[in-house]
Amino acid sequence: MQLEAAHSVEITKLLEYVDKKEDPLIQVVRTHQHNTDSAVLQTTRYLKTEVHRERRKMKESIAGETKEDGTGRGCMDNCHIA
């Protein structure tokens, strides 16, 4: 247990050192990480918007098919094969 506590202290000290360090390499890594995170978030937002748009289209299409059928059951129950 004491060994784990000692490791925790050392890791915390190392993280604090790295966080305060103005090393150019660390700054490049931070910038790259920020840019990567931003790109991932932007892609996620775009995909989420597309999913919502497609889901809305599907709901409108289903609602339209139900109205066209006139029975309220849609084509699933009342399709006529020509």
PDB file of N, CA and C in Angstrom:
ATOM      1  N   MET A   1       0.820  -1.186   0.000  1.00  0.00           N
ATOM      2  CA  MET A   1       0.000   0.000   0.000  1.00  0.00           C
ATOM      3  C   MET A   1       0.870   1.257   0.000  1.00  0.00           C
ATOM      4  N   GLN A   2       1.962   1.231   0.781  1.00  0.00           N
ATOM      5  CA  GLN A   2       2.857   2.386   0.830  1.00  0.00           C
ATOM      6  C   GLN A   2       3.555   2.588  -0.511  1.00  0.00           C
ATOM      7  N   LEU A   3       3.854   1.492  -1.193  1.00  0.00           N
ATOM      8  CA  LEU A   3       4.501   1.581  -2.495  1.00  0.00           C
ATOM      9  C   LEU A   3       3.570   2.255  -3.508  1.00  0.00           C
ATOM     10  N   GLU A   4       2.291   1.897  -3.470  1.00  0.00           N
ATOM     11  CA  GLU A   4       1.317   2.516  -4.374  1.00  0.00           C
ATOM     12  C   GLU A   4       1.182   4.012  -4.081  1.00  0.00           C
ATOM     13  N   ALA A   5       1.174   4.365  -2.806  1.00  0.00           N
ATOM     14  CA  ALA A   5       1.080   5.773  -2.417  1.00  0.00           C
ATOM     15  C   ALA A   5       2.310   6.532  -2.901  1.00  0.00           C
ATOM     16  N   ALA A   6       3.466   5.917  -2.772  1.00  0.00           N
ATOM     17  CA  ALA A   6       4.706   6.554  -3.236  1.00  0.00           C
ATOM     18  C   ALA A   6       4.667   6.744  -4.751  1.00  0.00           C
ATOM     19  N   HIS A   7       4.173   5.746  -5.487  1.00  0.00           N
ATOM     20  CA  HIS A   7       4.062   5.873  -6.944  1.00  0.00           C
ATOM     21  C   HIS A   7       3.089   6.990  -7.313  1.00  0.00           C
ATOM     22  N   SER A   8       1.995   7.084  -6.594  1.00  0.00           N
ATOM     23  CA  SER A   8       1.020   8.140  -6.850  1.00  0.00           C
ATOM     24  C   SER A   8       1.636   9.519  -6.664  1.00  0.00           C
ATOM     25  N   VAL A   9       2.422   9.665  -5.613  1.00  0.00           N
ATOM     26  CA  VAL A   9       3.081  10.945  -5.343  1.00  0.00           C
ATOM     27  C   VAL A   9       4.058  11.268  -6.463  1.00  0.00           C
ATOM     28  N   GLU A  10       4.852  10.303  -6.881  1.00  0.00           N
ATOM     29  CA  GLU A  10       5.837  10.526  -7.937  1.00  0.00           C
ATOM     30  C   GLU A  10       5.156  10.859  -9.273  1.00  0.00           C
ATOM     31  N   ILE A  11       4.100  10.164  -9.584  1.00  0.00           N
ATOM     32  CA  ILE A  11       3.370  10.421 -10.829  1.00  0.00           C
ATOM     33  C   ILE A  11       2.765  11.820 -10.787  1.00  0.00           C
ATOM     34  N   THR A  12       2.204  12.201  -9.651  1.00  0.00           N
ATOM     35  CA  THR A  12       1.625  13.538  -9.506  1.00  0.00           C
ATOM     36  C   THR A  12       2.696  14.603  -9.689  1.00  0.00           C
ATOM     37  N   LYS A  13       3.859  14.399  -9.088  1.00  0.00           N
ATOM     38  CA  LYS A  13       4.962  15.351  -9.233  1.00  0.00           C
ATOM     39  C   LYS A  13       5.402  15.453 -10.692  1.00  0.00           C
ATOM     40  N   LEU A  14       5.494  14.325 -11.358  1.00  0.00           N
ATOM     41  CA  LEU A  14       5.895  14.306 -12.763  1.00  0.00           C
ATOM     42  C   LEU A  14       4.879  15.048 -13.624  1.00  0.00           C
ATOM     43  N   LEU A  15       3.598  14.806 -13.381  1.00  0.00           N
ATOM     44  CA  LEU A  15       2.554  15.482 -14.152  1.00  0.00           C
ATOM     45  C   LEU A  15       2.585  16.992 -13.909  1.00  0.00           C
ATOM     46  N   GLU A  16       2.792  17.393 -12.666  1.00  0.00           N
ATOM     47  CA  GLU A  16       2.876  18.820 -12.359  1.00  0.00           C
ATOM     48  C   GLU A  16       4.081  19.440 -13.053  1.00  0.00           C
ATOM     49  N   TYR A  17       5.212  18.732 -13.082  1.00  0.00           N
ATOM     50  CA  TYR A  17       6.410  19.226 -13.751  1.00  0.00           C
ATOM     51  C   TYR A  17       6.152  19.399 -15.244  1.00  0.00           C
ATOM     52  N   VAL A  18       5.566  18.390 -15.859  1.00  0.00           N
ATOM     53  CA  VAL A  18       5.299  18.443 -17.292  1.00  0.00           C
ATOM     54  C   VAL A  18       4.302  19.560 -17.597  1.00  0.00           C
ATOM     55  N   ASP A  19       3.308  19.726 -16.734  1.00  0.00           N
ATOM     56  CA  ASP A  19       2.296  20.749 -16.953  1.00  0.00           C
ATOM     57  C   ASP A  19       2.892  22.148 -16.891  1.00  0.00           C
ATOM     58  N   LYS A  20       3.870  22.356 -16.012  1.00  0.00           N
ATOM     59  CA  LYS A  20       4.487  23.672 -15.852  1.00  0.00           C
ATOM     60  C   LYS A  20       5.639  23.902 -16.824  1.00  0.00           C
ATOM     61  N   LYS A  21       6.168  22.851 -17.374  1.00  0.00           N
ATOM     62  CA  LYS A  21       7.344  22.930 -18.242  1.00  0.00           C
ATOM     63  C   LYS A  21       7.003  23.658 -19.531  1.00  0.00           C
ATOM     64  N   GLU A  22       7.850  24.537 -19.965  1.00  0.00           N
ATOM     65  CA  GLU A  22       7.642  25.280 -21.209  1.00  0.00           C
ATOM     66  C   GLU A  22       8.504  24.705 -22.332  1.00  0.00           C
ATOM     67  N   ASP A  23       8.772  23.438 -22.258  1.00  0.00           N
ATOM     68  CA  ASP A  23       9.565  22.755 -23.275  1.00  0.00           C
ATOM     69  C   ASP A  23       8.852  22.839 -24.630  1.00  0.00           C
ATOM     70  N   PRO A  24       9.570  23.194 -25.698  1.00  0.00           N
ATOM     71  CA  PRO A  24       8.943  23.312 -27.018  1.00  0.00           C
ATOM     72  C   PRO A  24       8.260  22.020 -27.486  1.00  0.00           C
ATOM     73  N   LEU A  25       8.868  20.894 -27.192  1.00  0.00           N
ATOM     74  CA  LEU A  25       8.276  19.624 -27.609  1.00  0.00           C
ATOM     75  C   LEU A  25       6.937  19.398 -26.903  1.00  0.00           C
ATOM     76  N   ILE A  26       6.888  19.696 -25.618  1.00  0.00           N
ATOM     77  CA  ILE A  26       5.643  19.538 -24.868  1.00  0.00           C
ATOM     78  C   ILE A  26       4.580  20.478 -25.433  1.00  0.00           C
ATOM     79  N   GLN A  27       4.969  21.701 -25.788  1.00  0.00           N
ATOM     80  CA  GLN A  27       4.015  22.647 -26.373  1.00  0.00           C
ATOM     81  C   GLN A  27       3.475  22.132 -27.718  1.00  0.00           C
ATOM     82  N   VAL A  28       4.350  21.540 -28.523  1.00  0.00           N
ATOM     83  CA  VAL A  28       3.919  20.986 -29.811  1.00  0.00           C
ATOM     84  C   VAL A  28       2.932  19.851 -29.583  1.00  0.00           C
ATOM     85  N   VAL A  29       3.231  18.985 -28.623  1.00  0.00           N
ATOM     86  CA  VAL A  29       2.337  17.862 -28.322  1.00  0.00           C
ATOM     87  C   VAL A  29       0.987  18.384 -27.832  1.00  0.00           C
ATOM     88  N   ARG A  30       0.998  19.377 -26.963  1.00  0.00           N
ATOM     89  CA  ARG A  30      -0.259  19.958 -26.471  1.00  0.00           C
ATOM     90  C   ARG A  30      -1.076  20.552 -27.620  1.00  0.00           C
ATOM     91  N   THR A  31      -0.405  21.292 -28.504  1.00  0.00           N
ATOM     92  CA  THR A  31      -1.102  21.900 -29.642  1.00  0.00           C
ATOM     93  C   THR A  31      -1.680  20.834 -30.549  1.00  0.00           C
ATOM     94  N   HIS A  32      -0.880  19.796 -30.809  1.00  0.00           N
ATOM     95  CA  HIS A  32      -1.365  18.705 -31.661  1.00  0.00           C
ATOM     96  C   HIS A  32      -2.557  18.012 -31.013  1.00  0.00           C
ATOM     97  N   GLN A  33      -2.478  17.763 -29.722  1.00  0.00           N
ATOM     98  CA  GLN A  33      -3.570  17.105 -29.016  1.00  0.00           C
ATOM     99  C   GLN A  33      -4.830  17.972 -29.073  1.00  0.00           C
ATOM    100  N   HIS A  34      -4.673  19.274 -28.872  1.00  0.00           N
ATOM    101  CA  HIS A  34      -5.825  20.188 -28.926  1.00  0.00           C
ATOM    102  C   HIS A  34      -6.438  20.182 -30.328  1.00  0.00           C
ATOM    103  N   ASN A  35      -5.589  20.253 -31.354  1.00  0.00           N
ATOM    104  CA  ASN A  35      -6.089  20.250 -32.736  1.00  0.00           C
ATOM    105  C   ASN A  35      -6.793  18.939 -33.063  1.00  0.00           C
ATOM    106  N   THR A  36      -6.238  17.825 -32.599  1.00  0.00           N
ATOM    107  CA  THR A  36      -6.842  16.521 -32.838  1.00  0.00           C
ATOM    108  C   THR A  36      -8.190  16.428 -32.130  1.00  0.00           C
ATOM    109  N   ASP A  37      -8.225  16.863 -30.874  1.00  0.00           N
ATOM    110  CA  ASP A  37      -9.481  16.850 -30.126  1.00  0.00           C
ATOM    111  C   ASP A  37     -10.533  17.709 -30.817  1.00  0.00           C
ATOM    112  N   SER A  38     -10.123  18.879 -31.295  1.00  0.00           N
ATOM    113  CA  SER A  38     -11.056  19.778 -31.973  1.00  0.00           C
ATOM    114  C   SER A  38     -11.593  19.139 -33.256  1.00  0.00           C
ATOM    115  N   ALA A  39     -10.719  18.482 -34.009  1.00  0.00           N
ATOM    116  CA  ALA A  39     -11.144  17.832 -35.252  1.00  0.00           C
ATOM    117  C   ALA A  39     -12.119  16.695 -34.959  1.00  0.00           C
ATOM    118  N   VAL A  40     -11.838  15.939 -33.922  1.00  0.00           N
ATOM    119  CA  VAL A  40     -12.722  14.829 -33.551  1.00  0.00           C
ATOM    120  C   VAL A  40     -14.090  15.371 -33.123  1.00  0.00           C
ATOM    121  N   LEU A  41     -14.097  16.427 -32.337  1.00  0.00           N
ATOM    122  CA  LEU A  41     -15.361  17.023 -31.905  1.00  0.00           C
ATOM    123  C   LEU A  41     -16.152  17.572 -33.092  1.00  0.00           C
ATOM    124  N   GLN A  42     -15.446  18.205 -34.031  1.00  0.00           N
ATOM    125  CA  GLN A  42     -16.114  18.752 -35.207  1.00  0.00           C
ATOM    126  C   GLN A  42     -16.725  17.626 -36.045  1.00  0.00           C
ATOM    127  N   THR A  43     -15.992  16.548 -36.228  1.00  0.00           N
ATOM    128  CA  THR A  43     -16.502  15.404 -36.985  1.00  0.00           C
ATOM    129  C   THR A  43     -17.689  14.780 -36.265  1.00  0.00           C
ATOM    130  N   THR A  44     -17.605  14.671 -34.954  1.00  0.00           N
ATOM    131  CA  THR A  44     -18.698  14.107 -34.169  1.00  0.00           C
ATOM    132  C   THR A  44     -19.959  14.950 -34.314  1.00  0.00           C
ATOM    133  N   ARG A  45     -19.817  16.260 -34.237  1.00  0.00           N
ATOM    134  CA  ARG A  45     -20.978  17.144 -34.404  1.00  0.00           C
ATOM    135  C   ARG A  45     -21.602  16.964 -35.784  1.00  0.00           C
ATOM    136  N   TYR A  46     -20.753  16.897 -36.808  1.00  0.00           N
ATOM    137  CA  TYR A  46     -21.250  16.727 -38.173  1.00  0.00           C
ATOM    138  C   TYR A  46     -22.024  15.413 -38.309  1.00  0.00           C
ATOM    139  N   LEU A  47     -21.435  14.329 -37.810  1.00  0.00           N
ATOM    140  CA  LEU A  47     -22.090  13.026 -37.914  1.00  0.00           C
ATOM    141  C   LEU A  47     -23.402  13.001 -37.137  1.00  0.00           C
ATOM    142  N   LYS A  48     -23.417  13.613 -35.974  1.00  0.00           N
ATOM    143  CA  LYS A  48     -24.638  13.667 -35.174  1.00  0.00           C
ATOM    144  C   LYS A  48     -25.733  14.419 -35.930  1.00  0.00           C
ATOM    145  N   THR A  49     -25.372  15.522 -36.571  1.00  0.00           N
ATOM    146  CA  THR A  49     -26.331  16.291 -37.366  1.00  0.00           C
ATOM    147  C   THR A  49     -26.866  15.453 -38.515  1.00  0.00           C
ATOM    148  N   GLU A  50     -25.984  14.722 -39.189  1.00  0.00           N
ATOM    149  CA  GLU A  50     -26.413  13.878 -40.310  1.00  0.00           C
ATOM    150  C   GLU A  50     -27.350  12.761 -39.854  1.00  0.00           C
ATOM    151  N   VAL A  51     -27.048  12.165 -38.714  1.00  0.00           N
ATOM    152  CA  VAL A  51     -27.905  11.099 -38.184  1.00  0.00           C
ATOM    153  C   VAL A  51     -29.290  11.660 -37.875  1.00  0.00           C
ATOM    154  N   HIS A  52     -29.339  12.831 -37.239  1.00  0.00           N
ATOM    155  CA  HIS A  52     -30.631  13.449 -36.931  1.00  0.00           C
ATOM    156  C   HIS A  52     -31.400  13.771 -38.211  1.00  0.00           C
ATOM    157  N   ARG A  53     -30.700  14.283 -39.214  1.00  0.00           N
ATOM    158  CA  ARG A  53     -31.345  14.633 -40.475  1.00  0.00           C
ATOM    159  C   ARG A  53     -31.939  13.388 -41.149  1.00  0.00           C
ATOM    160  N   GLU A  54     -31.170  12.308 -41.193  1.00  0.00           N
ATOM    161  CA  GLU A  54     -31.649  11.073 -41.817  1.00  0.00           C
ATOM    162  C   GLU A  54     -32.813  10.465 -41.032  1.00  0.00           C
ATOM    163  N   ARG A  55     -32.723  10.521 -39.711  1.00  0.00           N
ATOM    164  CA  ARG A  55     -33.793   9.992 -38.873  1.00  0.00           C
ATOM    165  C   ARG A  55     -35.090  10.774 -39.117  1.00  0.00           C
ATOM    166  N   ARG A  56     -34.973  12.102 -39.235  1.00  0.00           N
ATOM    167  CA  ARG A  56     -36.135  12.940 -39.498  1.00  0.00           C
ATOM    168  C   ARG A  56     -36.741  12.605 -40.864  1.00  0.00           C
ATOM    169  N   LYS A  57     -35.882  12.389 -41.876  1.00  0.00           N
ATOM    170  CA  LYS A  57     -36.363  12.010 -43.206  1.00  0.00           C
ATOM    171  C   LYS A  57     -37.119  10.687 -43.162  1.00  0.00           C
ATOM    172  N   MET A  58     -36.566   9.726 -42.411  1.00  0.00           N
ATOM    173  CA  MET A  58     -37.225   8.420 -42.307  1.00  0.00           C
ATOM    174  C   MET A  58     -38.589   8.560 -41.635  1.00  0.00           C
ATOM    175  N   LYS A  59     -38.665   9.336 -40.567  1.00  0.00           N
ATOM    176  CA  LYS A  59     -39.943   9.529 -39.868  1.00  0.00           C
ATOM    177  C   LYS A  59     -40.959  10.195 -40.782  1.00  0.00           C
ATOM    178  N   GLU A  60     -40.518  11.211 -41.541  1.00  0.00           N
ATOM    179  CA  GLU A  60     -41.426  11.893 -42.465  1.00  0.00           C
ATOM    180  C   GLU A  60     -41.891  10.945 -43.566  1.00  0.00           C
ATOM    181  N   SER A  61     -40.984  10.102 -44.031  1.00  0.00           N
ATOM    182  CA  SER A  61     -41.330   9.140 -45.075  1.00  0.00           C
ATOM    183  C   SER A  61     -42.356   8.133 -44.563  1.00  0.00           C
ATOM    184  N   ILE A  62     -42.142   7.641 -43.370  1.00  0.00           N
ATOM    185  CA  ILE A  62     -43.081   6.680 -42.773  1.00  0.00           C
ATOM    186  C   ILE A  62     -44.437   7.341 -42.556  1.00  0.00           C
ATOM    187  N   ALA A  63     -44.422   8.578 -42.069  1.00  0.00           N
ATOM    188  CA  ALA A  63     -45.679   9.300 -41.851  1.00  0.00           C
ATOM    189  C   ALA A  63     -46.399   9.505 -43.184  1.00  0.00           C
ATOM    190  N   GLY A  64     -45.663   9.802 -44.240  1.00  0.00           N
ATOM    191  CA  GLY A  64     -46.254   9.992 -45.554  1.00  0.00           C
ATOM    192  C   GLY A  64     -46.865   8.718 -46.097  1.00  0.00           C
ATOM    193  N   GLU A  65     -46.191   7.598 -45.907  1.00  0.00           N
ATOM    194  CA  GLU A  65     -46.718   6.308 -46.372  1.00  0.00           C
ATOM    195  C   GLU A  65     -47.995   5.949 -45.629  1.00  0.00           C
ATOM    196  N   THR A  66     -48.047   6.244 -44.353  1.00  0.00           N
ATOM    197  CA  THR A  66     -49.236   5.941 -43.555  1.00  0.00           C
ATOM    198  C   THR A  66     -50.418   6.786 -44.039  1.00  0.00           C
ATOM    199  N   LYS A  67     -50.173   8.064 -44.342  1.00  0.00           N
ATOM    200  CA  LYS A  67     -51.238   8.940 -44.826  1.00  0.00           C
ATOM    201  C   LYS A  67     -51.736   8.484 -46.193  1.00  0.00           C
ATOM    202  N   GLU A  68     -50.797   8.085 -47.085  1.00  0.00           N
ATOM    203  CA  GLU A  68     -51.164   7.658 -48.431  1.00  0.00           C
ATOM    204  C   GLU A  68     -52.011   6.399 -48.414  1.00  0.00           C
ATOM    205  N   ASP A  69     -51.765   5.523 -47.468  1.00  0.00           N
ATOM    206  CA  ASP A  69     -52.469   4.250 -47.386  1.00  0.00           C
ATOM    207  C   ASP A  69     -53.936   4.459 -47.023  1.00  0.00           C
ATOM    208  N   GLY A  70     -54.202   5.413 -46.156  1.00  0.00           N
ATOM    209  CA  GLY A  70     -55.563   5.720 -45.772  1.00  0.00           C
ATOM    210  C   GLY A  70     -56.116   4.833 -44.677  1.00  0.00           C
ATOM    211  N   THR A  71     -55.452   3.760 -44.353  1.00  0.00           N
ATOM    212  CA  THR A  71     -55.967   2.849 -43.323  1.00  0.00           C
ATOM    213  C   THR A  71     -55.366   3.161 -41.963  1.00  0.00           C
ATOM    214  N   GLY A  72     -54.276   3.935 -41.966  1.00  0.00           N
ATOM    215  CA  GLY A  72     -53.589   4.207 -40.714  1.00  0.00           C
ATOM    216  C   GLY A  72     -52.643   3.088 -40.326  1.00  0.00           C
ATOM    217  N   ARG A  73     -52.635   2.013 -41.120  1.00  0.00           N
ATOM    218  CA  ARG A  73     -51.756   0.882 -40.803  1.00  0.00           C
ATOM    219  C   ARG A  73     -50.495   0.924 -41.654  1.00  0.00           C
ATOM    220  N   GLY A  74     -50.461   1.732 -42.665  1.00  0.00           N
ATOM    221  CA  GLY A  74     -49.297   1.809 -43.526  1.00  0.00           C
ATOM    222  C   GLY A  74     -49.234   0.644 -44.476  1.00  0.00           C
ATOM    223  N   CYS A  75     -48.214   0.619 -45.252  1.00  0.00           N
ATOM    224  CA  CYS A  75     -48.067  -0.392 -46.290  1.00  0.00           C
ATOM    225  C   CYS A  75     -47.698  -1.759 -45.716  1.00  0.00           C
ATOM    226  N   MET A  76     -47.251  -1.790 -44.502  1.00  0.00           N
ATOM    227  CA  MET A  76     -46.819  -3.065 -43.915  1.00  0.00           C
ATOM    228  C   MET A  76     -47.956  -4.087 -43.882  1.00  0.00           C
ATOM    229  N   ASP A  77     -49.159  -3.616 -43.579  1.00  0.00           N
ATOM    230  CA  ASP A  77     -50.292  -4.524 -43.441  1.00  0.00           C
ATOM    231  C   ASP A  77     -51.185  -4.559 -44.678  1.00  0.00           C
ATOM    232  N   ASN A  78     -51.084  -3.532 -45.506  1.00  0.00           N
ATOM    233  CA  ASN A  78     -52.077  -3.389 -46.560  1.00  0.00           C
ATOM    234  C   ASN A  78     -51.430  -3.150 -47.924  1.00  0.00           C
ATOM    235  N   CYS A  79     -50.358  -3.824 -48.245  1.00  0.00           N
ATOM    236  CA  CYS A  79     -49.695  -3.648 -49.535  1.00  0.00           C
ATOM    237  C   CYS A  79     -50.367  -4.543 -50.587  1.00  0.00           C
ATOM    238  N   HIS A  80     -50.530  -3.981 -51.746  1.00  0.00           N
ATOM    239  CA  HIS A  80     -51.098  -4.735 -52.855  1.00  0.00           C
ATOM    240  C   HIS A  80     -50.023  -4.901 -53.913  1.00  0.00           C
ATOM    241  N   ILE A  81     -49.717  -6.137 -54.257  1.00  0.00           N
ATOM    242  CA  ILE A  81     -48.702  -6.397 -55.266  1.00  0.00           C
ATOM    243  C   ILE A  81     -49.379  -6.413 -56.618  1.00  0.00           C
ATOM    244  N   ALA A  82     -48.850  -5.583 -57.527  1.00  0.00           N
ATOM    245  CA  ALA A  82     -49.463  -5.466 -58.863  1.00  0.00           C
ATOM    246  C   ALA A  82     -49.018  -6.581 -59.756  1.00  0.00           C
TER     247      ALA A  82
END
